[in-house]
Amino acid sequence: MTYFVYILQCADKSYYCGYTTELERRVVEHNHSNKGSKYTRSKRPVELVYSEEYRSLSEALKREWQIKQLSSEQKRKLVEAESDQ
């Protein structure tokens, strides 16, 4: 199974990090349903700005935790570095 760690940019320019097995479905949930996180519900619309793929849940969870420890500025730099490639 493939796991995705992702970063969303919210309408207020803040970032949200999460993980999922179905990236497109999860982004739709964040934008259009009550299944999105409480954090993103009040900050819609959200846009997918970064994602990574992992083959194991443990790797994905470890990476999600690492990203969540980053400051907003560090997350912005991570997103920008990916978009430059």
C-alpha atoms as a PDB file:
ATOM      1  CA  MET A   1       0.000   0.000   0.000  1.00  0.00           C
ATOM      2  CA  THR A   2       1.154   3.543  -0.700  1.00  0.00           C
ATOM      3  CA  TYR A   3       0.961   6.263   1.939  1.00  0.00           C
ATOM      4  CA  PHE A   4       1.190   9.972   1.249  1.00  0.00           C
ATOM      5  CA  VAL A   5       2.415  12.694   3.565  1.00  0.00           C
ATOM      6  CA  TYR A   6       1.089  16.019   2.379  1.00  0.00           C
ATOM      7  CA  ILE A   7       1.057  19.723   3.114  1.00  0.00           C
ATOM      8  CA  LEU A   8      -1.939  21.919   2.425  1.00  0.00           C
ATOM      9  CA  GLN A   9      -1.820  25.686   2.255  1.00  0.00           C
ATOM     10  CA  CYS A  10      -4.928  27.186   3.818  1.00  0.00           C
ATOM     11  CA  ALA A  11      -6.771  30.343   2.766  1.00  0.00           C
ATOM     12  CA  ASP A  12      -5.032  32.271   5.573  1.00  0.00           C
ATOM     13  CA  LYS A  13      -1.624  31.101   4.217  1.00  0.00           C
ATOM     14  CA  SER A  14      -1.031  28.734   7.142  1.00  0.00           C
ATOM     15  CA  TYR A  15       0.047  25.142   6.527  1.00  0.00           C
ATOM     16  CA  TYR A  16      -1.516  21.829   7.512  1.00  0.00           C
ATOM     17  CA  CYS A  17       0.326  18.498   7.362  1.00  0.00           C
ATOM     18  CA  GLY A  18      -1.288  15.068   7.293  1.00  0.00           C
ATOM     19  CA  TYR A  19      -1.057  11.565   5.846  1.00  0.00           C
ATOM     20  CA  THR A  20      -3.433   9.408   3.811  1.00  0.00           C
ATOM     21  CA  THR A  21      -3.643   6.483   1.409  1.00  0.00           C
ATOM     22  CA  GLU A  22      -5.850   8.392  -1.060  1.00  0.00           C
ATOM     23  CA  LEU A  23      -4.432  11.852  -1.639  1.00  0.00           C
ATOM     24  CA  GLU A  24      -7.041  13.279  -4.032  1.00  0.00           C
ATOM     25  CA  ARG A  25      -9.955  12.077  -1.901  1.00  0.00           C
ATOM     26  CA  ARG A  26      -8.394  13.522   1.228  1.00  0.00           C
ATOM     27  CA  VAL A  27      -7.893  16.966  -0.300  1.00  0.00           C
ATOM     28  CA  VAL A  28     -11.545  16.978  -1.404  1.00  0.00           C
ATOM     29  CA  GLU A  29     -12.564  16.034   2.150  1.00  0.00           C
ATOM     30  CA  HIS A  30     -10.554  18.924   3.577  1.00  0.00           C
ATOM     31  CA  ASN A  31     -12.305  21.335   1.216  1.00  0.00           C
ATOM     32  CA  HIS A  32     -15.862  20.031   1.051  1.00  0.00           C
ATOM     33  CA  SER A  33     -16.841  17.770   3.936  1.00  0.00           C
ATOM     34  CA  ASN A  34     -16.859  17.435   7.688  1.00  0.00           C
ATOM     35  CA  LYS A  35     -14.290  14.634   7.361  1.00  0.00           C
ATOM     36  CA  GLY A  36     -11.499  17.180   6.966  1.00  0.00           C
ATOM     37  CA  SER A  37      -9.545  18.171  10.046  1.00  0.00           C
ATOM     38  CA  LYS A  38     -11.025  20.681  12.473  1.00  0.00           C
ATOM     39  CA  TYR A  39      -8.090  22.951  11.690  1.00  0.00           C
ATOM     40  CA  THR A  40      -8.783  23.164   7.957  1.00  0.00           C
ATOM     41  CA  ARG A  41     -12.584  23.447   8.233  1.00  0.00           C
ATOM     42  CA  SER A  42     -12.330  27.095   9.250  1.00  0.00           C
ATOM     43  CA  LYS A  43      -9.517  27.896   6.803  1.00  0.00           C
ATOM     44  CA  ARG A  44     -11.005  26.820   3.471  1.00  0.00           C
ATOM     45  CA  PRO A  45     -10.259  26.642   0.680  1.00  0.00           C
ATOM     46  CA  VAL A  46      -7.089  24.614   1.050  1.00  0.00           C
ATOM     47  CA  GLU A  47      -4.640  23.764  -1.707  1.00  0.00           C
ATOM     48  CA  LEU A  48      -2.303  20.790  -1.954  1.00  0.00           C
ATOM     49  CA  VAL A  49       1.196  22.269  -2.189  1.00  0.00           C
ATOM     50  CA  TYR A  50       3.466  19.329  -1.289  1.00  0.00           C
ATOM     51  CA  SER A  51       3.397  15.542  -1.039  1.00  0.00           C
ATOM     52  CA  GLU A  52       5.734  12.595  -0.535  1.00  0.00           C
ATOM     53  CA  GLU A  53       5.079   8.865  -1.072  1.00  0.00           C
ATOM     54  CA  TYR A  54       5.970   6.074   1.351  1.00  0.00           C
ATOM     55  CA  ARG A  55       5.558   2.306   1.218  1.00  0.00           C
ATOM     56  CA  SER A  56       5.011   1.816   4.935  1.00  0.00           C
ATOM     57  CA  LEU A  57       2.725   3.470   7.441  1.00  0.00           C
ATOM     58  CA  SER A  58       5.528   3.766   9.985  1.00  0.00           C
ATOM     59  CA  GLU A  59       7.722   5.723   7.539  1.00  0.00           C
ATOM     60  CA  ALA A  60       4.821   8.018   6.646  1.00  0.00           C
ATOM     61  CA  LEU A  61       3.961   8.673  10.287  1.00  0.00           C
ATOM     62  CA  LYS A  62       7.605   9.399  11.115  1.00  0.00           C
ATOM     63  CA  ARG A  63       7.847  11.898   8.260  1.00  0.00           C
ATOM     64  CA  GLU A  64       4.514  13.522   9.147  1.00  0.00           C
ATOM     65  CA  TRP A  65       5.777  14.040  12.701  1.00  0.00           C
ATOM     66  CA  GLN A  66       9.037  15.552  11.381  1.00  0.00           C
ATOM     67  CA  ILE A  67       7.176  18.015   9.165  1.00  0.00           C
ATOM     68  CA  LYS A  68       4.802  18.974  11.972  1.00  0.00           C
ATOM     69  CA  GLN A  69       7.832  19.963  14.078  1.00  0.00           C
ATOM     70  CA  LEU A  70       8.916  22.509  11.454  1.00  0.00           C
ATOM     71  CA  SER A  71       8.120  26.189  11.763  1.00  0.00           C
ATOM     72  CA  SER A  72       5.864  27.823   9.172  1.00  0.00           C
ATOM     73  CA  GLU A  73       8.926  29.333   7.551  1.00  0.00           C
ATOM     74  CA  GLN A  74      10.629  25.940   7.303  1.00  0.00           C
ATOM     75  CA  LYS A  75       7.475  24.417   5.791  1.00  0.00           C
ATOM     76  CA  ARG A  76       7.331  27.265   3.269  1.00  0.00           C
ATOM     77  CA  LYS A  77      10.947  26.581   2.260  1.00  0.00           C
ATOM     78  CA  LEU A  78      10.208  22.857   1.893  1.00  0.00           C
ATOM     79  CA  VAL A  79       7.229  23.630  -0.356  1.00  0.00           C
ATOM     80  CA  GLU A  80       9.221  26.148  -2.410  1.00  0.00           C
ATOM     81  CA  ALA A  81      12.147  23.748  -2.842  1.00  0.00           C
ATOM     82  CA  GLU A  82       9.759  21.130  -4.244  1.00  0.00           C
ATOM     83  CA  SER A  83       8.095  23.587  -6.616  1.00  0.00           C
ATOM     84  CA  ASP A  84      11.501  24.663  -7.958  1.00  0.00           C
ATOM     85  CA  GLN A  85      12.230  21.101  -9.149  1.00  0.00           C
END
